[in-house]
Amino acid sequence: MPTARDVLTPDALAMLQTIAATGSFAAAARELGLVPSALTYRVRQIEDALDVLLYDRSSRQARPTEAGAELLREGARLLEEIDAVANRVKRVATGWEPQLTIAVDSIISKATVMELCESFFALNPPTRIKLRDETLSGTLETLTSGQSDLALGVAESSTYLGIHEKPLGDVRFVYAVAPHHPLASMTEPLCDAVIRQHRAVAVADTITRGGGMTIGLLGGQDVFTVATMQAKLDAQLRGLGCGFVPECMARAYTETGRLVVLQVERPQRLVRVNYAWRNITPAGHGQALAWWLSQLESPTTRAALLERHRGV
């Protein structure tokens, strides 16, 4: 006996759509160039395989049962998906990647990334986009391990063969606390001995191998570890700790007095942030990655990725 997979073919689903469109078995048979008995036999095969009745046999019209109506709805969806897959395959053959994975460091403006995604999708490309939230060494690791194709916000240079990188810009870090934090009322510049007495807020490195990076922490200092740079800002706004934060992310809060920038004895930190990519095929990168790299050539886009941060 035929199974559901045997009978629910694209041709069979299209036949059911024709019956629905014409309103009767006889009209559908004429439309499809079949004798009515052949069409009826094919419908019965589907019913037997599914063990349901698709049409009300008491009516002269091809009136579907509830099960038949559901199969028509799902059949129409499946036929649309088959057409979409065929179109996607054709376009991928022209050089578009099936999927482009982008690792986005927590220092990067998520709003700007979403605007870039919006512009990319407006092209109606066959490429699916997958975004990964990463931090510190984990951002580059996704590239070197083959888990991403493009990384935004790499804070270290790569020595891996096949990894290419260009600068996004320089990020200045400032030491900031909430105005009600004890350090806010102490004499500046703050020395390490004073800072060590207070809890630091740190962002967890998403690297899966090795110890990862630690920035601005002192030995013996209590540490509150959070997942993202935005969470670090939120914690420091609440007075839960202190630490270095990107000036571009803290600016909105320092201007309104919700964060206070303090002078410390340690040198001011300026970090060069890059974007990096790997060639997806031996011949180079596809059209989707080429589009993203072309957007990153714009100084305005690069600045927006580092500067345009929303407040919490």
Protein backbone atom coordinates (compact mmCIF):
# COMPACT_ATOMS: atom_id res chain seq x y z
CA MET A 1 0.00 0.00 0.00
CA PRO A 2 1.40 3.45 -0.89
CA THR A 3 2.52 5.61 2.02
CA ALA A 4 1.84 9.32 2.53
CA ARG A 5 5.31 10.11 1.17
CA ASP A 6 4.56 8.08 -1.95
CA VAL A 7 1.36 9.93 -2.78
CA LEU A 8 1.94 13.48 -1.51
CA THR A 9 4.10 14.50 -4.44
CA PRO A 10 4.23 18.00 -5.90
CA ASP A 11 2.18 16.74 -8.88
CA ALA A 12 -0.46 15.32 -6.57
CA LEU A 13 -0.66 18.52 -4.53
CA ALA A 14 -0.94 20.56 -7.72
CA MET A 15 -3.75 18.24 -8.86
CA LEU A 16 -5.67 18.89 -5.65
CA GLN A 17 -5.19 22.63 -6.14
CA THR A 18 -6.65 22.29 -9.66
CA ILE A 19 -9.70 20.43 -8.31
CA ALA A 20 -10.25 23.24 -5.81
CA ALA A 21 -9.85 25.90 -8.49
CA THR A 22 -12.22 24.28 -11.02
CA GLY A 23 -14.81 23.12 -8.50
CA SER A 24 -15.36 19.59 -9.78
CA PHE A 25 -13.52 16.38 -10.66
CA ALA A 26 -14.74 16.48 -14.25
CA ALA A 27 -13.58 20.06 -14.83
CA ALA A 28 -10.23 19.33 -13.19
CA ALA A 29 -9.79 16.23 -15.36
CA ARG A 30 -10.36 18.32 -18.47
CA GLU A 31 -7.91 20.96 -17.22
CA LEU A 32 -5.24 18.33 -16.55
CA GLY A 33 -5.87 16.29 -19.71
CA LEU A 34 -6.98 13.21 -17.77
CA VAL A 35 -10.01 10.97 -17.98
CA PRO A 36 -12.23 11.48 -14.91
CA SER A 37 -11.70 7.91 -13.71
CA ALA A 38 -7.91 8.39 -13.66
CA LEU A 39 -8.20 11.56 -11.59
CA THR A 40 -10.67 9.91 -9.18
CA TYR A 41 -8.29 6.95 -8.79
CA ARG A 42 -5.39 9.25 -7.88
CA VAL A 43 -7.51 11.05 -5.28
CA ARG A 44 -8.54 7.69 -3.76
CA GLN A 45 -4.89 6.67 -3.58
CA ILE A 46 -4.13 9.78 -1.51
CA GLU A 47 -7.15 9.14 0.72
CA ASP A 48 -6.16 5.51 1.28
CA ALA A 49 -2.56 6.42 2.13
CA LEU A 50 -3.70 9.08 4.62
CA ASP A 51 -6.70 7.04 5.81
CA VAL A 52 -9.02 10.04 5.50
CA LEU A 53 -11.76 11.26 3.20
CA LEU A 54 -10.72 14.40 1.34
CA TYR A 55 -14.02 15.11 -0.44
CA ASP A 56 -17.69 14.85 0.45
CA ARG A 57 -19.00 12.25 -2.02
CA SER A 58 -22.65 13.21 -1.37
CA SER A 59 -22.27 16.40 -3.40
CA ARG A 60 -21.85 16.78 -7.16
CA GLN A 61 -19.34 19.52 -6.46
CA ALA A 62 -15.78 18.77 -5.30
CA ARG A 63 -16.51 19.89 -1.75
CA PRO A 64 -13.53 19.17 0.53
CA THR A 65 -13.95 17.78 4.02
CA GLU A 66 -12.19 19.48 6.92
CA ALA A 67 -9.24 17.14 6.36
CA GLY A 68 -9.30 17.96 2.65
CA ALA A 69 -9.36 21.70 3.32
CA GLU A 70 -6.34 21.34 5.64
CA LEU A 71 -4.44 19.39 3.00
CA LEU A 72 -5.24 22.09 0.43
CA ARG A 73 -3.90 24.79 2.74
CA GLU A 74 -0.74 22.90 3.61
CA GLY A 75 -0.31 21.73 0.03
CA ALA A 76 -0.38 25.31 -1.24
CA ARG A 77 2.27 26.26 1.35
CA LEU A 78 4.48 23.31 0.39
CA LEU A 79 4.25 24.14 -3.31
CA GLU A 80 5.26 27.74 -2.58
CA GLU A 81 8.23 26.49 -0.54
CA ILE A 82 9.31 24.17 -3.33
CA ASP A 83 9.25 27.10 -5.75
CA ALA A 84 11.20 29.21 -3.26
CA VAL A 85 13.83 26.50 -2.83
CA ALA A 86 14.21 26.18 -6.60
CA ASN A 87 14.66 29.94 -6.95
CA ARG A 88 17.15 29.99 -4.07
CA VAL A 89 19.21 27.20 -5.61
CA LYS A 90 19.31 29.02 -8.94
CA ARG A 91 20.48 32.24 -7.30
CA VAL A 92 23.06 30.47 -5.12
CA ALA A 93 24.52 29.06 -8.32
CA THR A 94 25.21 32.65 -9.39
CA GLY A 95 27.59 33.17 -6.44
CA TRP A 96 25.34 33.90 -3.47
CA GLU A 97 26.10 31.98 -0.27
CA PRO A 98 23.28 29.87 1.23
CA GLN A 99 24.04 31.41 4.67
CA LEU A 100 26.29 34.14 6.01
CA THR A 101 27.10 34.03 9.73
CA ILE A 102 28.20 37.29 11.34
CA ALA A 103 29.78 37.44 14.80
CA VAL A 104 28.93 40.74 16.50
CA ASP A 105 30.98 41.79 19.51
CA SER A 106 29.09 43.39 22.40
CA ILE A 107 30.97 46.65 21.77
CA ILE A 108 29.23 47.02 18.39
CA SER A 109 26.05 49.07 17.87
CA LYS A 110 23.22 46.54 17.46
CA ALA A 111 20.95 49.19 15.92
CA THR A 112 23.47 49.81 13.12
CA VAL A 113 23.85 46.07 12.49
CA MET A 114 20.07 45.76 12.18
CA GLU A 115 19.94 48.67 9.74
CA LEU A 116 22.57 46.93 7.62
CA CYS A 117 20.53 43.73 7.74
CA GLU A 118 17.47 45.68 6.64
CA SER A 119 19.34 47.08 3.63
CA PHE A 120 20.70 43.63 2.80
CA PHE A 121 17.28 41.96 2.91
CA ALA A 122 15.89 44.71 0.67
CA LEU A 123 17.99 43.16 -2.10
CA ASN A 124 15.87 40.00 -1.76
CA PRO A 125 18.99 37.83 -1.68
CA PRO A 126 18.92 34.02 -1.41
CA THR A 127 21.38 34.21 1.48
CA ARG A 128 20.18 33.68 5.03
CA ILE A 129 21.83 35.83 7.71
CA LYS A 130 22.73 34.42 11.13
CA LEU A 131 23.96 36.80 13.85
CA ARG A 132 26.04 35.63 16.80
CA ASP A 133 26.57 37.68 19.97
CA GLU A 134 30.21 37.37 21.04
CA THR A 135 32.66 39.13 23.35
CA LEU A 136 36.43 39.72 23.40
CA SER A 137 38.48 36.73 22.13
CA GLY A 138 35.32 34.78 21.32
CA THR A 139 34.54 37.17 18.46
CA LEU A 140 37.71 36.23 16.57
CA GLU A 141 37.48 32.58 17.60
CA THR A 142 34.24 32.16 15.67
CA LEU A 143 36.17 33.00 12.51
CA THR A 144 39.20 30.82 13.18
CA SER A 145 36.96 27.88 14.13
CA GLY A 146 34.79 28.28 11.03
CA GLN A 147 31.66 29.20 12.99
CA SER A 148 31.31 32.61 11.35
CA ASP A 149 32.21 34.25 8.06
CA LEU A 150 32.46 37.87 9.20
CA ALA A 151 33.34 39.26 12.63
CA LEU A 152 32.58 42.81 13.74
CA GLY A 153 34.50 44.22 16.70
CA VAL A 154 37.67 42.13 16.82
CA ALA A 155 40.00 43.58 19.46
CA GLU A 156 43.05 41.48 18.59
CA SER A 157 44.97 40.70 15.41
CA SER A 158 44.80 37.28 13.81
CA THR A 159 47.77 35.24 12.62
CA TYR A 160 45.59 32.55 11.07
CA LEU A 161 45.99 31.85 7.36
CA GLY A 162 42.92 32.89 5.38
CA ILE A 163 41.69 35.47 7.92
CA HIS A 164 41.62 39.05 6.62
CA GLU A 165 41.01 42.15 8.72
CA LYS A 166 40.65 45.90 8.46
CA PRO A 167 40.19 48.57 11.15
CA LEU A 168 36.77 49.74 12.26
CA GLY A 169 38.24 52.47 14.43
CA ASP A 170 39.75 53.28 17.81
CA VAL A 171 37.72 52.95 20.99
CA ARG A 172 38.67 54.98 24.06
CA PHE A 173 37.86 53.45 27.44
CA VAL A 174 37.02 55.54 30.50
CA TYR A 175 36.81 54.53 34.14
CA ALA A 176 33.22 55.15 35.23
CA VAL A 177 30.98 54.62 38.24
CA ALA A 178 27.50 55.64 39.31
CA PRO A 179 27.40 58.98 41.18
CA HIS A 180 26.32 57.17 44.37
CA HIS A 181 29.23 54.69 44.20
CA PRO A 182 31.84 55.17 46.99
CA LEU A 183 34.64 55.78 44.47
CA ALA A 184 32.79 58.82 43.07
CA SER A 185 33.59 60.84 46.18
CA MET A 186 37.25 59.87 46.50
CA THR A 187 40.27 61.95 45.58
CA GLU A 188 41.52 61.51 42.04
CA PRO A 189 43.48 60.11 40.38
CA LEU A 190 42.53 56.77 41.94
CA CYS A 191 45.35 54.37 42.64
CA ASP A 192 45.11 50.60 42.21
CA ALA A 193 45.17 50.04 45.98
CA VAL A 194 41.95 52.06 46.36
CA ILE A 195 40.26 50.53 43.32
CA ARG A 196 41.08 46.99 44.48
CA GLN A 197 38.83 47.48 47.52
CA HIS A 198 35.74 47.78 45.32
CA ARG A 199 33.91 45.25 43.15
CA ALA A 200 34.70 45.36 39.44
CA VAL A 201 32.19 44.56 36.72
CA ALA A 202 33.64 42.39 33.94
CA VAL A 203 32.30 41.04 30.66
CA ALA A 204 32.71 37.30 30.19
CA ASP A 205 34.85 36.29 27.22
CA THR A 206 32.86 33.97 24.92
CA ILE A 207 35.97 32.06 23.80
CA THR A 208 35.50 28.29 24.15
CA ARG A 209 39.19 27.35 24.26
CA GLY A 210 41.74 28.87 26.64
CA GLY A 211 41.30 31.43 29.36
CA GLY A 212 40.19 34.36 27.24
CA MET A 213 40.91 38.03 27.77
CA THR A 214 40.56 40.07 30.96
CA ILE A 215 40.70 43.84 30.76
CA GLY A 216 41.34 46.23 33.62
CA LEU A 217 40.98 43.73 36.50
CA LEU A 218 43.29 43.78 39.52
CA GLY A 219 44.55 40.77 41.41
CA GLY A 220 42.45 40.03 44.49
CA GLN A 221 39.61 42.31 43.37
CA ASP A 222 36.01 41.11 43.76
CA VAL A 223 34.45 40.64 40.32
CA PHE A 224 30.85 40.65 39.10
CA THR A 225 30.84 38.96 35.67
CA VAL A 226 28.11 39.68 33.13
CA ALA A 227 27.44 38.50 29.58
CA THR A 228 27.64 41.69 27.50
CA MET A 229 29.05 45.19 27.53
CA GLN A 230 25.52 46.58 27.73
CA ALA A 231 24.92 44.48 30.86
CA LYS A 232 28.18 45.84 32.30
CA LEU A 233 26.95 49.39 31.75
CA ASP A 234 23.64 48.54 33.39
CA ALA A 235 25.42 47.07 36.41
CA GLN A 236 27.64 50.12 36.80
CA LEU A 237 24.66 52.47 36.43
CA ARG A 238 23.11 50.65 39.39
CA GLY A 239 26.26 51.06 41.46
CA LEU A 240 26.95 47.31 41.51
CA GLY A 241 30.58 47.81 40.59
CA CYS A 242 33.17 49.86 38.76
CA GLY A 243 35.42 49.51 35.75
CA PHE A 244 36.50 50.65 32.32
CA VAL A 245 33.78 51.08 29.70
CA PRO A 246 33.89 52.30 26.08
CA GLU A 247 33.50 56.07 26.07
CA CYS A 248 31.17 55.84 23.06
CA MET A 249 28.79 53.57 25.00
CA ALA A 250 29.00 55.54 28.25
CA ARG A 251 28.66 59.00 26.69
CA ALA A 252 24.86 59.24 26.94
CA TYR A 253 25.07 58.47 30.67
CA THR A 254 28.02 60.71 31.48
CA GLU A 255 26.30 63.63 29.75
CA THR A 256 23.19 63.18 31.91
CA GLY A 257 25.12 62.49 35.11
CA ARG A 258 24.07 58.88 35.47
CA LEU A 259 27.74 57.86 35.24
CA VAL A 260 30.78 59.73 36.51
CA VAL A 261 34.14 59.43 34.74
CA LEU A 262 37.03 59.19 37.17
CA GLN A 263 40.72 59.76 36.62
CA VAL A 264 42.93 56.79 37.52
CA GLU A 265 46.68 56.43 37.79
CA ARG A 266 46.75 53.73 35.14
CA PRO A 267 47.30 54.92 31.54
CA GLN A 268 44.26 55.75 29.46
CA ARG A 269 43.18 52.79 27.32
CA LEU A 270 42.75 53.16 23.57
CA VAL A 271 41.85 49.97 21.68
CA ARG A 272 42.01 49.45 17.92
CA VAL A 273 38.88 47.53 16.89
CA ASN A 274 38.80 45.63 13.59
CA TYR A 275 36.43 43.72 11.39
CA ALA A 276 37.64 40.42 10.00
CA TRP A 277 36.46 37.83 7.53
CA ARG A 278 37.44 34.55 5.97
CA ASN A 279 37.00 33.44 2.40
CA ILE A 280 34.06 31.07 2.20
CA THR A 281 35.25 29.22 -0.90
CA PRO A 282 38.74 28.57 -2.30
CA ALA A 283 37.88 31.03 -5.06
CA GLY A 284 37.17 33.81 -2.56
CA HIS A 285 34.04 35.21 -0.99
CA GLY A 286 30.52 35.16 -2.36
CA GLN A 287 28.22 38.02 -3.21
CA ALA A 288 26.65 38.30 0.25
CA LEU A 289 29.99 38.74 2.02
CA ALA A 290 31.12 41.05 -0.79
CA TRP A 291 28.06 43.26 -0.10
CA TRP A 292 28.83 43.49 3.62
CA LEU A 293 32.49 44.25 2.98
CA SER A 294 31.49 47.00 0.56
CA GLN A 295 29.30 48.58 3.26
CA LEU A 296 32.21 48.45 5.71
CA GLU A 297 34.35 50.45 3.32
CA SER A 298 32.23 53.47 4.26
CA PRO A 299 33.75 55.58 7.07
CA THR A 300 30.22 56.59 8.09
CA THR A 301 29.16 52.96 8.51
CA ARG A 302 32.29 52.07 10.46
CA ALA A 303 31.80 55.04 12.79
CA ALA A 304 28.13 54.17 13.32
CA LEU A 305 29.00 50.60 14.31
CA LEU A 306 31.16 51.96 17.13
CA GLU A 307 29.32 55.15 18.08
CA ARG A 308 25.56 54.69 17.77
CA HIS A 309 24.58 53.12 21.06
CA ARG A 310 21.19 53.41 22.70
CA GLY A 311 20.77 53.88 26.42
CA VAL A 312 19.38 51.25 28.78
